[in-house]
Amino acid sequence: MTRDGSAELLTVPEVMARLRLGRSTVYDLMRSRRLASISVGRARRVPVNALRDFIARQIKEAS
């Protein structure tokens, strides 16, 4: 959360960099709803909490 209480939103390139994945893989994750995202106009944004939840689920599934 930011100071004003809103969730921080990441762009697709930012998610790509954090996960070290390609653009099509990130869009596939969003399309399959494995990675939550929202539309802002024509752009897709991923809330930071959604990315953290995705990573936590991946770690849990791997163990």
PDB file of N, CA and C in Angstrom:
ATOM      1  N   MET A   1       0.833  -1.173   0.000  1.00  0.00           N
ATOM      2  CA  MET A   1       0.000   0.000   0.000  1.00  0.00           C
ATOM      3  C   MET A   1       0.887   1.248   0.000  1.00  0.00           C
ATOM      4  N   THR A   2       0.418   2.247  -0.687  1.00  0.00           N
ATOM      5  CA  THR A   2       1.135   3.509  -0.688  1.00  0.00           C
ATOM      6  C   THR A   2       0.614   4.368   0.453  1.00  0.00           C
ATOM      7  N   ARG A   3       1.196   5.526   0.632  1.00  0.00           N
ATOM      8  CA  ARG A   3       0.800   6.403   1.735  1.00  0.00           C
ATOM      9  C   ARG A   3      -0.672   6.784   1.685  1.00  0.00           C
ATOM     10  N   ASP A   4      -1.209   6.929   0.470  1.00  0.00           N
ATOM     11  CA  ASP A   4      -2.613   7.331   0.360  1.00  0.00           C
ATOM     12  C   ASP A   4      -3.566   6.146   0.491  1.00  0.00           C
ATOM     13  N   GLY A   5      -3.035   4.921   0.730  1.00  0.00           N
ATOM     14  CA  GLY A   5      -3.860   3.751   0.958  1.00  0.00           C
ATOM     15  C   GLY A   5      -4.193   2.957  -0.290  1.00  0.00           C
ATOM     16  N   SER A   6      -3.747   3.416  -1.459  1.00  0.00           N
ATOM     17  CA  SER A   6      -4.040   2.685  -2.689  1.00  0.00           C
ATOM     18  C   SER A   6      -2.973   1.632  -2.940  1.00  0.00           C
ATOM     19  N   ALA A   7      -3.355   0.586  -3.639  1.00  0.00           N
ATOM     20  CA  ALA A   7      -2.423  -0.496  -3.949  1.00  0.00           C
ATOM     21  C   ALA A   7      -1.476  -0.050  -5.051  1.00  0.00           C
ATOM     22  N   GLU A   8      -0.222  -0.433  -4.932  1.00  0.00           N
ATOM     23  CA  GLU A   8       0.741  -0.135  -5.977  1.00  0.00           C
ATOM     24  C   GLU A   8       0.480  -1.071  -7.155  1.00  0.00           C
ATOM     25  N   LEU A   9       0.490  -0.510  -8.348  1.00  0.00           N
ATOM     26  CA  LEU A   9       0.239  -1.285  -9.553  1.00  0.00           C
ATOM     27  C   LEU A   9       1.508  -1.366 -10.382  1.00  0.00           C
ATOM     28  N   LEU A  10       1.781  -2.551 -10.891  1.00  0.00           N
ATOM     29  CA  LEU A  10       2.961  -2.786 -11.709  1.00  0.00           C
ATOM     30  C   LEU A  10       2.568  -2.919 -13.176  1.00  0.00           C
ATOM     31  N   THR A  11       3.431  -2.451 -14.058  1.00  0.00           N
ATOM     32  CA  THR A  11       3.227  -2.639 -15.484  1.00  0.00           C
ATOM     33  C   THR A  11       3.681  -4.043 -15.861  1.00  0.00           C
ATOM     34  N   VAL A  12       3.299  -4.479 -17.053  1.00  0.00           N
ATOM     35  CA  VAL A  12       3.730  -5.797 -17.521  1.00  0.00           C
ATOM     36  C   VAL A  12       5.264  -5.879 -17.584  1.00  0.00           C
ATOM     37  N   PRO A  13       5.962  -4.871 -18.123  1.00  0.00           N
ATOM     38  CA  PRO A  13       7.433  -4.962 -18.114  1.00  0.00           C
ATOM     39  C   PRO A  13       8.035  -5.066 -16.706  1.00  0.00           C
ATOM     40  N   GLU A  14       7.416  -4.412 -15.728  1.00  0.00           N
ATOM     41  CA  GLU A  14       7.906  -4.523 -14.352  1.00  0.00           C
ATOM     42  C   GLU A  14       7.702  -5.935 -13.813  1.00  0.00           C
ATOM     43  N   VAL A  15       6.558  -6.530 -14.120  1.00  0.00           N
ATOM     44  CA  VAL A  15       6.297  -7.916 -13.695  1.00  0.00           C
ATOM     45  C   VAL A  15       7.273  -8.856 -14.399  1.00  0.00           C
ATOM     46  N   MET A  16       7.497  -8.626 -15.686  1.00  0.00           N
ATOM     47  CA  MET A  16       8.448  -9.439 -16.443  1.00  0.00           C
ATOM     48  C   MET A  16       9.822  -9.415 -15.778  1.00  0.00           C
ATOM     49  N   ALA A  17      10.258  -8.231 -15.381  1.00  0.00           N
ATOM     50  CA  ALA A  17      11.574  -8.090 -14.754  1.00  0.00           C
ATOM     51  C   ALA A  17      11.628  -8.781 -13.397  1.00  0.00           C
ATOM     52  N   ARG A  18      10.582  -8.629 -12.612  1.00  0.00           N
ATOM     53  CA  ARG A  18      10.577  -9.231 -11.273  1.00  0.00           C
ATOM     54  C   ARG A  18      10.526 -10.749 -11.322  1.00  0.00           C
ATOM     55  N   LEU A  19       9.769 -11.290 -12.283  1.00  0.00           N
ATOM     56  CA  LEU A  19       9.654 -12.746 -12.398  1.00  0.00           C
ATOM     57  C   LEU A  19      10.692 -13.346 -13.337  1.00  0.00           C
ATOM     58  N   ARG A  20      11.371 -12.484 -14.086  1.00  0.00           N
ATOM     59  CA  ARG A  20      12.341 -12.921 -15.097  1.00  0.00           C
ATOM     60  C   ARG A  20      11.668 -13.859 -16.108  1.00  0.00           C
ATOM     61  N   LEU A  21      10.498 -13.396 -16.597  1.00  0.00           N
ATOM     62  CA  LEU A  21       9.729 -14.132 -17.584  1.00  0.00           C
ATOM     63  C   LEU A  21       9.484 -13.244 -18.791  1.00  0.00           C
ATOM     64  N   GLY A  22       9.128 -13.861 -19.889  1.00  0.00           N
ATOM     65  CA  GLY A  22       8.824 -13.127 -21.103  1.00  0.00           C
ATOM     66  C   GLY A  22       7.423 -12.538 -21.081  1.00  0.00           C
ATOM     67  N   ARG A  23       7.197 -11.607 -21.994  1.00  0.00           N
ATOM     68  CA  ARG A  23       5.918 -10.916 -22.100  1.00  0.00           C
ATOM     69  C   ARG A  23       4.752 -11.888 -22.311  1.00  0.00           C
ATOM     70  N   SER A  24       4.905 -12.819 -23.249  1.00  0.00           N
ATOM     71  CA  SER A  24       3.791 -13.729 -23.541  1.00  0.00           C
ATOM     72  C   SER A  24       3.470 -14.618 -22.346  1.00  0.00           C
ATOM     73  N   THR A  25       4.475 -15.011 -21.583  1.00  0.00           N
ATOM     74  CA  THR A  25       4.236 -15.838 -20.396  1.00  0.00           C
ATOM     75  C   THR A  25       3.459 -15.056 -19.348  1.00  0.00           C
ATOM     76  N   VAL A  26       3.825 -13.797 -19.139  1.00  0.00           N
ATOM     77  CA  VAL A  26       3.109 -12.961 -18.166  1.00  0.00           C
ATOM     78  C   VAL A  26       1.661 -12.773 -18.603  1.00  0.00           C
ATOM     79  N   TYR A  27       1.443 -12.482 -19.885  1.00  0.00           N
ATOM     80  CA  TYR A  27       0.064 -12.333 -20.370  1.00  0.00           C
ATOM     81  C   TYR A  27      -0.701 -13.645 -20.256  1.00  0.00           C
ATOM     82  N   ASP A  28      -0.054 -14.781 -20.495  1.00  0.00           N
ATOM     83  CA  ASP A  28      -0.713 -16.079 -20.327  1.00  0.00           C
ATOM     84  C   ASP A  28      -1.131 -16.297 -18.874  1.00  0.00           C
ATOM     85  N   LEU A  29      -0.273 -15.921 -17.934  1.00  0.00           N
ATOM     86  CA  LEU A  29      -0.608 -16.046 -16.513  1.00  0.00           C
ATOM     87  C   LEU A  29      -1.811 -15.177 -16.157  1.00  0.00           C
ATOM     88  N   MET A  30      -1.866 -13.971 -16.711  1.00  0.00           N
ATOM     89  CA  MET A  30      -2.996 -13.092 -16.447  1.00  0.00           C
ATOM     90  C   MET A  30      -4.269 -13.623 -17.109  1.00  0.00           C
ATOM     91  N   ARG A  31      -4.142 -14.095 -18.342  1.00  0.00           N
ATOM     92  CA  ARG A  31      -5.301 -14.613 -19.084  1.00  0.00           C
ATOM     93  C   ARG A  31      -5.909 -15.827 -18.376  1.00  0.00           C
ATOM     94  N   SER A  32      -5.037 -16.687 -17.827  1.00  0.00           N
ATOM     95  CA  SER A  32      -5.514 -17.889 -17.134  1.00  0.00           C
ATOM     96  C   SER A  32      -5.934 -17.600 -15.693  1.00  0.00           C
ATOM     97  N   ARG A  33      -5.820 -16.344 -15.295  1.00  0.00           N
ATOM     98  CA  ARG A  33      -6.191 -15.882 -13.944  1.00  0.00           C
ATOM     99  C   ARG A  33      -5.319 -16.468 -12.840  1.00  0.00           C
ATOM    100  N   ARG A  34      -4.152 -16.974 -13.210  1.00  0.00           N
ATOM    101  CA  ARG A  34      -3.201 -17.423 -12.188  1.00  0.00           C
ATOM    102  C   ARG A  34      -2.512 -16.220 -11.557  1.00  0.00           C
ATOM    103  N   LEU A  35      -2.428 -15.125 -12.313  1.00  0.00           N
ATOM    104  CA  LEU A  35      -1.862 -13.867 -11.823  1.00  0.00           C
ATOM    105  C   LEU A  35      -2.941 -12.805 -11.995  1.00  0.00           C
ATOM    106  N   ALA A  36      -3.435 -12.282 -10.872  1.00  0.00           N
ATOM    107  CA  ALA A  36      -4.508 -11.288 -10.917  1.00  0.00           C
ATOM    108  C   ALA A  36      -4.011  -9.992 -11.533  1.00  0.00           C
ATOM    109  N   SER A  37      -4.881  -9.364 -12.311  1.00  0.00           N
ATOM    110  CA  SER A  37      -4.546  -8.086 -12.922  1.00  0.00           C
ATOM    111  C   SER A  37      -5.815  -7.291 -13.136  1.00  0.00           C
ATOM    112  N   ILE A  38      -5.640  -6.005 -13.412  1.00  0.00           N
ATOM    113  CA  ILE A  38      -6.775  -5.139 -13.697  1.00  0.00           C
ATOM    114  C   ILE A  38      -6.502  -4.392 -14.997  1.00  0.00           C
ATOM    115  N   SER A  39      -7.573  -3.903 -15.590  1.00  0.00           N
ATOM    116  CA  SER A  39      -7.445  -3.062 -16.779  1.00  0.00           C
ATOM    117  C   SER A  39      -7.545  -1.610 -16.358  1.00  0.00           C
ATOM    118  N   VAL A  40      -6.636  -0.810 -16.884  1.00  0.00           N
ATOM    119  CA  VAL A  40      -6.687   0.634 -16.710  1.00  0.00           C
ATOM    120  C   VAL A  40      -6.669   1.193 -18.128  1.00  0.00           C
ATOM    121  N   GLY A  41      -7.847   1.522 -18.619  1.00  0.00           N
ATOM    122  CA  GLY A  41      -7.946   1.879 -20.028  1.00  0.00           C
ATOM    123  C   GLY A  41      -7.640   0.637 -20.858  1.00  0.00           C
ATOM    124  N   ARG A  42      -6.666   0.759 -21.749  1.00  0.00           N
ATOM    125  CA  ARG A  42      -6.256  -0.387 -22.561  1.00  0.00           C
ATOM    126  C   ARG A  42      -5.065  -1.138 -21.964  1.00  0.00           C
ATOM    127  N   ALA A  43      -4.542  -0.630 -20.859  1.00  0.00           N
ATOM    128  CA  ALA A  43      -3.356  -1.220 -20.239  1.00  0.00           C
ATOM    129  C   ALA A  43      -3.734  -2.213 -19.148  1.00  0.00           C
ATOM    130  N   ARG A  44      -2.891  -3.205 -18.945  1.00  0.00           N
ATOM    131  CA  ARG A  44      -3.053  -4.162 -17.849  1.00  0.00           C
ATOM    132  C   ARG A  44      -2.079  -3.767 -16.743  1.00  0.00           C
ATOM    133  N   ARG A  45      -2.531  -3.867 -15.503  1.00  0.00           N
ATOM    134  CA  ARG A  45      -1.700  -3.593 -14.346  1.00  0.00           C
ATOM    135  C   ARG A  45      -1.870  -4.729 -13.350  1.00  0.00           C
ATOM    136  N   VAL A  46      -0.787  -5.038 -12.637  1.00  0.00           N
ATOM    137  CA  VAL A  46      -0.786  -6.108 -11.644  1.00  0.00           C
ATOM    138  C   VAL A  46      -0.536  -5.484 -10.269  1.00  0.00           C
ATOM    139  N   PRO A  47      -1.486  -5.637  -9.348  1.00  0.00           N
ATOM    140  CA  PRO A  47      -1.249  -5.147  -7.990  1.00  0.00           C
ATOM    141  C   PRO A  47      -0.065  -5.888  -7.354  1.00  0.00           C
ATOM    142  N   VAL A  48       0.738  -5.174  -6.607  1.00  0.00           N
ATOM    143  CA  VAL A  48       1.908  -5.776  -5.960  1.00  0.00           C
ATOM    144  C   VAL A  48       1.487  -6.967  -5.103  1.00  0.00           C
ATOM    145  N   ASN A  49       0.377  -6.839  -4.387  1.00  0.00           N
ATOM    146  CA  ASN A  49      -0.085  -7.942  -3.536  1.00  0.00           C
ATOM    147  C   ASN A  49      -0.420  -9.174  -4.362  1.00  0.00           C
ATOM    148  N   ALA A  50      -0.968  -8.989  -5.560  1.00  0.00           N
ATOM    149  CA  ALA A  50      -1.288 -10.124  -6.426  1.00  0.00           C
ATOM    150  C   ALA A  50      -0.015 -10.840  -6.860  1.00  0.00           C
ATOM    151  N   LEU A  51       1.028 -10.064  -7.129  1.00  0.00           N
ATOM    152  CA  LEU A  51       2.305 -10.676  -7.511  1.00  0.00           C
ATOM    153  C   LEU A  51       2.892 -11.454  -6.334  1.00  0.00           C
ATOM    154  N   ARG A  52       2.825 -10.880  -5.144  1.00  0.00           N
ATOM    155  CA  ARG A  52       3.324 -11.580  -3.950  1.00  0.00           C
ATOM    156  C   ARG A  52       2.549 -12.874  -3.711  1.00  0.00           C
ATOM    157  N   ASP A  53       1.223 -12.817  -3.864  1.00  0.00           N
ATOM    158  CA  ASP A  53       0.397 -14.014  -3.685  1.00  0.00           C
ATOM    159  C   ASP A  53       0.754 -15.083  -4.712  1.00  0.00           C
ATOM    160  N   PHE A  54       0.961 -14.668  -5.953  1.00  0.00           N
ATOM    161  CA  PHE A  54       1.339 -15.604  -7.017  1.00  0.00           C
ATOM    162  C   PHE A  54       2.647 -16.308  -6.666  1.00  0.00           C
ATOM    163  N   ILE A  55       3.633 -15.546  -6.241  1.00  0.00           N
ATOM    164  CA  ILE A  55       4.936 -16.119  -5.889  1.00  0.00           C
ATOM    165  C   ILE A  55       4.782 -17.082  -4.714  1.00  0.00           C
ATOM    166  N   ALA A  56       4.015 -16.686  -3.704  1.00  0.00           N
ATOM    167  CA  ALA A  56       3.804 -17.554  -2.533  1.00  0.00           C
ATOM    168  C   ALA A  56       3.139 -18.870  -2.944  1.00  0.00           C
ATOM    169  N   ARG A  57       2.136 -18.801  -3.837  1.00  0.00           N
ATOM    170  CA  ARG A  57       1.484 -20.032  -4.312  1.00  0.00           C
ATOM    171  C   ARG A  57       2.458 -20.916  -5.071  1.00  0.00           C
ATOM    172  N   GLN A  58       3.312 -20.320  -5.883  1.00  0.00           N
ATOM    173  CA  GLN A  58       4.282 -21.091  -6.641  1.00  0.00           C
ATOM    174  C   GLN A  58       5.265 -21.800  -5.717  1.00  0.00           C
ATOM    175  N   ILE A  59       5.693 -21.115  -4.677  1.00  0.00           N
ATOM    176  CA  ILE A  59       6.613 -21.711  -3.691  1.00  0.00           C
ATOM    177  C   ILE A  59       5.919 -22.849  -2.969  1.00  0.00           C
ATOM    178  N   LYS A  60       4.665 -22.636  -2.571  1.00  0.00           N
ATOM    179  CA  LYS A  60       3.911 -23.667  -1.851  1.00  0.00           C
ATOM    180  C   LYS A  60       3.702 -24.897  -2.740  1.00  0.00           C
ATOM    181  N   GLU A  61       3.363 -24.686  -4.014  1.00  0.00           N
ATOM    182  CA  GLU A  61       3.141 -25.796  -4.939  1.00  0.00           C
ATOM    183  C   GLU A  61       4.433 -26.577  -5.218  1.00  0.00           C
ATOM    184  N   ALA A  62       5.563 -25.893  -5.164  1.00  0.00           N
ATOM    185  CA  ALA A  62       6.843 -26.529  -5.467  1.00  0.00           C
ATOM    186  C   ALA A  62       7.337 -27.387  -4.302  1.00  0.00           C
ATOM    187  N   SER A  63       6.832 -27.099  -3.114  1.00  0.00           N
ATOM    188  CA  SER A  63       7.329 -27.858  -1.945  1.00  0.00           C
ATOM    189  C   SER A  63       6.486 -29.062  -1.635  1.00  0.00           C
TER     190      SER A  63
END
